[in-house]
C-alpha atoms as a PDB file:
ATOM      1  CA  MET A   1     -26.785   2.383   7.954  1.00  0.00           C
ATOM      2  CA  VAL A   2     -25.826   0.930  11.641  1.00  0.00           C
ATOM      3  CA  SER A   3     -25.794  -2.427  10.085  1.00  0.00           C
ATOM      4  CA  LYS A   4     -22.559  -2.107   8.575  1.00  0.00           C
ATOM      5  CA  THR A   5     -20.106  -5.087   8.390  1.00  0.00           C
ATOM      6  CA  PRO A   6     -17.920  -5.243  11.523  1.00  0.00           C
ATOM      7  CA  ARG A   7     -14.326  -4.827  10.439  1.00  0.00           C
ATOM      8  CA  LYS A   8     -11.435  -6.309  11.130  1.00  0.00           C
ATOM      9  CA  PRO A   9      -8.414  -4.148  12.040  1.00  0.00           C
ATOM     10  CA  ALA A  10      -5.578  -4.753   9.117  1.00  0.00           C
ATOM     11  CA  ASN A  11      -3.228  -6.400  11.932  1.00  0.00           C
ATOM     12  CA  SER A  12      -5.665  -9.114  12.708  1.00  0.00           C
ATOM     13  CA  SER A  13      -6.308 -12.276  11.803  1.00  0.00           C
ATOM     14  CA  GLU A  14      -8.664 -13.308  14.161  1.00  0.00           C
ATOM     15  CA  LYS A  15     -11.416 -10.629  16.103  1.00  0.00           C
ATOM     16  CA  PRO A  16     -10.636  -7.133  16.207  1.00  0.00           C
ATOM     17  CA  VAL A  17      -8.127  -6.222  18.559  1.00  0.00           C
ATOM     18  CA  ALA A  18      -9.427  -5.240  21.833  1.00  0.00           C
ATOM     19  CA  ALA A  19      -9.143  -1.155  21.573  1.00  0.00           C
ATOM     20  CA  LYS A  20      -8.532   0.811  24.825  1.00  0.00           C
ATOM     21  CA  ALA A  21     -10.953   3.568  24.975  1.00  0.00           C
ATOM     22  CA  ALA A  22      -9.336   7.061  24.719  1.00  0.00           C
ATOM     23  CA  LYS A  23     -10.762  10.485  24.801  1.00  0.00           C
ATOM     24  CA  PRO A  24     -11.768  11.538  21.389  1.00  0.00           C
ATOM     25  CA  ASP A  25      -8.437  13.466  21.034  1.00  0.00           C
ATOM     26  CA  GLY A  26      -6.457  10.114  21.714  1.00  0.00           C
ATOM     27  CA  THR A  27      -4.457  11.560  24.795  1.00  0.00           C
ATOM     28  CA  ALA A  28      -5.457   9.328  27.652  1.00  0.00           C
ATOM     29  CA  PRO A  29      -7.584   6.196  28.333  1.00  0.00           C
ATOM     30  CA  VAL A  30     -11.028   6.855  29.678  1.00  0.00           C
ATOM     31  CA  GLN A  31     -11.683   5.930  33.207  1.00  0.00           C
ATOM     32  CA  PRO A  32     -15.481   5.713  34.130  1.00  0.00           C
ATOM     33  CA  GLY A  33     -15.572   8.526  36.801  1.00  0.00           C
ATOM     34  CA  ASN A  34     -14.246  11.164  33.780  1.00  0.00           C
ATOM     35  CA  VAL A  35     -16.387  10.228  30.973  1.00  0.00           C
ATOM     36  CA  THR A  36     -18.904  12.838  29.623  1.00  0.00           C
ATOM     37  CA  LEU A  37     -22.456  11.954  29.904  1.00  0.00           C
ATOM     38  CA  LEU A  38     -24.546  13.165  26.796  1.00  0.00           C
ATOM     39  CA  SER A  39     -28.232  13.814  27.023  1.00  0.00           C
ATOM     40  CA  GLY A  40     -30.164  11.151  28.999  1.00  0.00           C
ATOM     41  CA  GLY A  41     -27.081   9.668  30.669  1.00  0.00           C
ATOM     42  CA  ASN A  42     -25.498   8.422  27.387  1.00  0.00           C
ATOM     43  CA  PRO A  43     -21.531   7.753  28.199  1.00  0.00           C
ATOM     44  CA  GLN A  44     -19.438   9.468  25.643  1.00  0.00           C
ATOM     45  CA  ILE A  45     -17.027   6.902  24.728  1.00  0.00           C
ATOM     46  CA  ALA A  46     -14.445   7.317  21.677  1.00  0.00           C
ATOM     47  CA  LYS A  47     -15.038   4.852  18.715  1.00  0.00           C
ATOM     48  CA  GLY A  48     -13.137   1.718  18.970  1.00  0.00           C
ATOM     49  CA  TYR A  49     -13.371  -1.940  18.367  1.00  0.00           C
ATOM     50  CA  GLY A  50     -13.061  -5.107  20.560  1.00  0.00           C
ATOM     51  CA  ASP A  51     -14.444  -5.439  24.224  1.00  0.00           C
ATOM     52  CA  ALA A  52     -12.422  -3.074  25.662  1.00  0.00           C
ATOM     53  CA  PRO A  53     -14.648   0.371  24.153  1.00  0.00           C
ATOM     54  CA  VAL A  54     -17.601  -1.524  25.044  1.00  0.00           C
ATOM     55  CA  GLN A  55     -16.513  -2.586  29.038  1.00  0.00           C
ATOM     56  CA  ALA A  56     -15.670   0.969  29.485  1.00  0.00           C
ATOM     57  CA  TYR A  57     -19.217   2.330  27.780  1.00  0.00           C
ATOM     58  CA  ILE A  58     -20.819  -0.077  30.177  1.00  0.00           C
ATOM     59  CA  ALA A  59     -18.532   0.649  33.264  1.00  0.00           C
ATOM     60  CA  ALA A  60     -19.566   4.600  32.498  1.00  0.00           C
ATOM     61  CA  MET A  61     -23.560   3.705  32.228  1.00  0.00           C
ATOM     62  CA  PRO A  62     -24.951   5.610  35.065  1.00  0.00           C
ATOM     63  CA  GLY A  63     -26.919   4.104  37.919  1.00  0.00           C
ATOM     64  CA  TRP A  64     -28.489   0.936  37.417  1.00  0.00           C
ATOM     65  CA  LYS A  65     -28.196   1.498  33.907  1.00  0.00           C
ATOM     66  CA  SER A  66     -24.761  -0.219  34.299  1.00  0.00           C
ATOM     67  CA  ASP A  67     -25.531  -3.513  35.833  1.00  0.00           C
ATOM     68  CA  VAL A  68     -28.288  -4.197  32.828  1.00  0.00           C
ATOM     69  CA  GLY A  69     -25.095  -3.008  30.485  1.00  0.00           C
ATOM     70  CA  ARG A  70     -23.090  -5.733  32.067  1.00  0.00           C
ATOM     71  CA  ARG A  71     -25.885  -8.267  32.076  1.00  0.00           C
ATOM     72  CA  LEU A  72     -26.969  -7.622  28.554  1.00  0.00           C
ATOM     73  CA  ASP A  73     -23.080  -8.242  27.273  1.00  0.00           C
ATOM     74  CA  ALA A  74     -23.007 -11.297  29.260  1.00  0.00           C
ATOM     75  CA  LEU A  75     -25.975 -12.619  28.164  1.00  0.00           C
ATOM     76  CA  ILE A  76     -24.865 -11.446  24.171  1.00  0.00           C
ATOM     77  CA  GLU A  77     -21.655 -13.163  24.788  1.00  0.00           C
ATOM     78  CA  ARG A  78     -22.783 -16.532  26.150  1.00  0.00           C
ATOM     79  CA  THR A  79     -25.503 -16.758  23.459  1.00  0.00           C
ATOM     80  CA  VAL A  80     -22.747 -16.076  20.416  1.00  0.00           C
ATOM     81  CA  PRO A  81     -19.393 -16.513  21.744  1.00  0.00           C
ATOM     82  CA  ASP A  82     -17.800 -15.314  18.516  1.00  0.00           C
ATOM     83  CA  VAL A  83     -19.932 -11.917  18.719  1.00  0.00           C
ATOM     84  CA  TYR A  84     -17.536  -8.771  17.582  1.00  0.00           C
ATOM     85  CA  LYS A  85     -18.276  -5.798  19.476  1.00  0.00           C
ATOM     86  CA  ALA A  86     -17.500  -1.942  19.007  1.00  0.00           C
ATOM     87  CA  VAL A  87     -18.368   1.506  20.089  1.00  0.00           C
ATOM     88  CA  LYS A  88     -19.885   3.460  17.514  1.00  0.00           C
ATOM     89  CA  TRP A  89     -22.247   6.510  17.515  1.00  0.00           C
ATOM     90  CA  ASN A  90     -21.663   6.448  21.251  1.00  0.00           C
ATOM     91  CA  SER A  91     -23.650   3.190  21.372  1.00  0.00           C
ATOM     92  CA  PRO A  92     -22.167  -0.414  21.786  1.00  0.00           C
ATOM     93  CA  LEU A  93     -22.815  -2.426  18.711  1.00  0.00           C
ATOM     94  CA  TYR A  94     -22.653  -6.421  18.381  1.00  0.00           C
ATOM     95  CA  GLY A  95     -22.333  -8.186  15.330  1.00  0.00           C
ATOM     96  CA  LEU A  96     -20.461 -10.958  13.113  1.00  0.00           C
ATOM     97  CA  GLU A  97     -17.742 -10.886  10.870  1.00  0.00           C
ATOM     98  CA  GLY A  98     -19.457 -10.439   7.159  1.00  0.00           C
ATOM     99  CA  ASP A  99     -22.947 -10.640   8.671  1.00  0.00           C
ATOM    100  CA  GLY A 100     -22.867  -6.852  10.033  1.00  0.00           C
ATOM    101  CA  TRP A 101     -24.307  -5.400  13.070  1.00  0.00           C
ATOM    102  CA  PHE A 102     -27.163  -7.267  14.466  1.00  0.00           C
ATOM    103  CA  LEU A 103     -27.736  -5.169  18.271  1.00  0.00           C
ATOM    104  CA  GLY A 104     -27.043  -1.831  19.917  1.00  0.00           C
ATOM    105  CA  ILE A 105     -27.334  -0.646  23.086  1.00  0.00           C
ATOM    106  CA  HIS A 106     -28.280   3.175  24.246  1.00  0.00           C
ATOM    107  CA  VAL A 107     -28.702   4.806  27.054  1.00  0.00           C
ATOM    108  CA  PHE A 108     -31.669   7.257  27.606  1.00  0.00           C
ATOM    109  CA  THR A 109     -32.759   9.282  31.028  1.00  0.00           C
ATOM    110  CA  LYS A 110     -35.052   6.215  32.350  1.00  0.00           C
ATOM    111  CA  TYR A 111     -34.257   3.301  30.226  1.00  0.00           C
ATOM    112  CA  VAL A 112     -31.447   1.178  28.212  1.00  0.00           C
ATOM    113  CA  LYS A 113     -32.758   0.818  24.637  1.00  0.00           C
ATOM    114  CA  VAL A 114     -31.660  -2.496  22.910  1.00  0.00           C
ATOM    115  CA  ALA A 115     -32.148  -2.121  19.399  1.00  0.00           C
ATOM    116  CA  PHE A 116     -32.294  -5.155  16.983  1.00  0.00           C
ATOM    117  CA  PHE A 117     -31.354  -4.145  13.449  1.00  0.00           C
ATOM    118  CA  ARG A 118     -33.640  -6.748  11.812  1.00  0.00           C
ATOM    119  CA  GLY A 119     -35.760  -7.046  14.568  1.00  0.00           C
ATOM    120  CA  SER A 120     -39.346  -7.199  12.431  1.00  0.00           C
ATOM    121  CA  SER A 121     -38.009 -10.558  11.461  1.00  0.00           C
ATOM    122  CA  LEU A 122     -37.580 -12.194  15.078  1.00  0.00           C
ATOM    123  CA  ASN A 123     -40.336 -14.250  16.255  1.00  0.00           C
ATOM    124  CA  PRO A 124     -42.068 -13.029  18.373  1.00  0.00           C
ATOM    125  CA  ILE A 125     -41.100  -9.390  17.402  1.00  0.00           C
ATOM    126  CA  PRO A 126     -39.668  -7.327  20.209  1.00  0.00           C
ATOM    127  CA  PRO A 127     -42.368  -5.014  21.299  1.00  0.00           C
ATOM    128  CA  GLY A 128     -40.858  -1.184  20.527  1.00  0.00           C
ATOM    129  CA  GLN A 129     -41.524  -0.067  17.197  1.00  0.00           C
ATOM    130  CA  SER A 130     -39.067   2.156  15.086  1.00  0.00           C
ATOM    131  CA  LYS A 131     -39.584   4.631  12.248  1.00  0.00           C
ATOM    132  CA  GLN A 132     -37.015   2.403  10.173  1.00  0.00           C
ATOM    133  CA  LYS A 133     -39.558  -1.047   9.090  1.00  0.00           C
ATOM    134  CA  ASP A 134     -36.933  -3.584   9.984  1.00  0.00           C
ATOM    135  CA  VAL A 135     -35.786  -2.041  13.712  1.00  0.00           C
ATOM    136  CA  ARG A 136     -37.489  -3.136  16.853  1.00  0.00           C
ATOM    137  CA  TYR A 137     -36.704  -2.418  20.556  1.00  0.00           C
ATOM    138  CA  LEU A 138     -36.762  -3.457  23.706  1.00  0.00           C
ATOM    139  CA  ASP A 139     -36.677  -0.895  26.339  1.00  0.00           C
ATOM    140  CA  ILE A 140     -35.330  -1.649  29.946  1.00  0.00           C
ATOM    141  CA  ARG A 141     -36.303   0.123  32.718  1.00  0.00           C
ATOM    142  CA  GLU A 142     -35.128   0.272  36.223  1.00  0.00           C
ATOM    143  CA  ASP A 143     -37.723  -2.186  37.925  1.00  0.00           C
ATOM    144  CA  ASP A 144     -38.228  -4.113  34.703  1.00  0.00           C
ATOM    145  CA  GLN A 145     -37.667  -8.114  35.138  1.00  0.00           C
ATOM    146  CA  LEU A 146     -35.979  -9.007  31.911  1.00  0.00           C
ATOM    147  CA  ASP A 147     -36.717 -12.234  30.323  1.00  0.00           C
ATOM    148  CA  GLU A 148     -33.257 -13.540  30.079  1.00  0.00           C
ATOM    149  CA  GLU A 149     -34.607 -16.681  28.156  1.00  0.00           C
ATOM    150  CA  GLN A 150     -36.634 -14.607  25.477  1.00  0.00           C
ATOM    151  CA  PHE A 151     -33.551 -12.134  25.243  1.00  0.00           C
ATOM    152  CA  ALA A 152     -30.931 -14.583  24.597  1.00  0.00           C
ATOM    153  CA  ASP A 153     -33.651 -16.351  22.139  1.00  0.00           C
ATOM    154  CA  TRP A 154     -34.016 -12.963  20.232  1.00  0.00           C
ATOM    155  CA  VAL A 155     -30.011 -12.680  20.109  1.00  0.00           C
ATOM    156  CA  ARG A 156     -29.803 -16.019  18.797  1.00  0.00           C
ATOM    157  CA  GLN A 157     -32.383 -15.055  16.294  1.00  0.00           C
ATOM    158  CA  ALA A 158     -31.029 -11.899  15.333  1.00  0.00           C
ATOM    159  CA  SER A 159     -27.292 -13.347  14.941  1.00  0.00           C
ATOM    160  CA  GLN A 160     -28.238 -15.721  12.589  1.00  0.00           C
ATOM    161  CA  LEU A 161     -30.221 -13.558  10.225  1.00  0.00           C
ATOM    162  CA  PRO A 162     -28.625 -13.432   6.901  1.00  0.00           C
ATOM    163  CA  ASP A 163     -27.141  -9.665   5.943  1.00  0.00           C
ATOM    164  CA  GLU A 164     -29.920  -7.958   3.804  1.00  0.00           C
ATOM    165  CA  ARG A 165     -28.019  -4.697   2.954  1.00  0.00           C
ATOM    166  CA  MET A 166     -27.961  -3.690  -0.817  1.00  0.00           C
END
């Protein structure tokens, strides 16, 4: 489901074109102060490929969560420089062309959830269990100290796993 292959826009020979985040009706660019926050404070950002909708999502994350989002995004980019980004299902997704999405971020009331879509294959396995056998989570709360080295290692491992879709 979530591990669908990142797709390039038809007019692109490299990475997806950075899409301008827009209202769901496509009328105007989304400004962080004008974004609707869904349950738990998750920003409602229009679906789009590229860095722009992901940055709009991160900017709209409420309070301390926006700082966490910026930090995670920077760590992911540093670890996987050719990462593709998109916002789908009101969550930033990170993947590689032809290999699907390997990671997603979602905002909840008291924490930011990082989903490793093939997390059960990571070493060590991230702590949060899922109803889906392959998915593992890392929940980051306001006062948590993120182990950046461990997070980057999980990102590196996740980005190198083969796509196991049927």
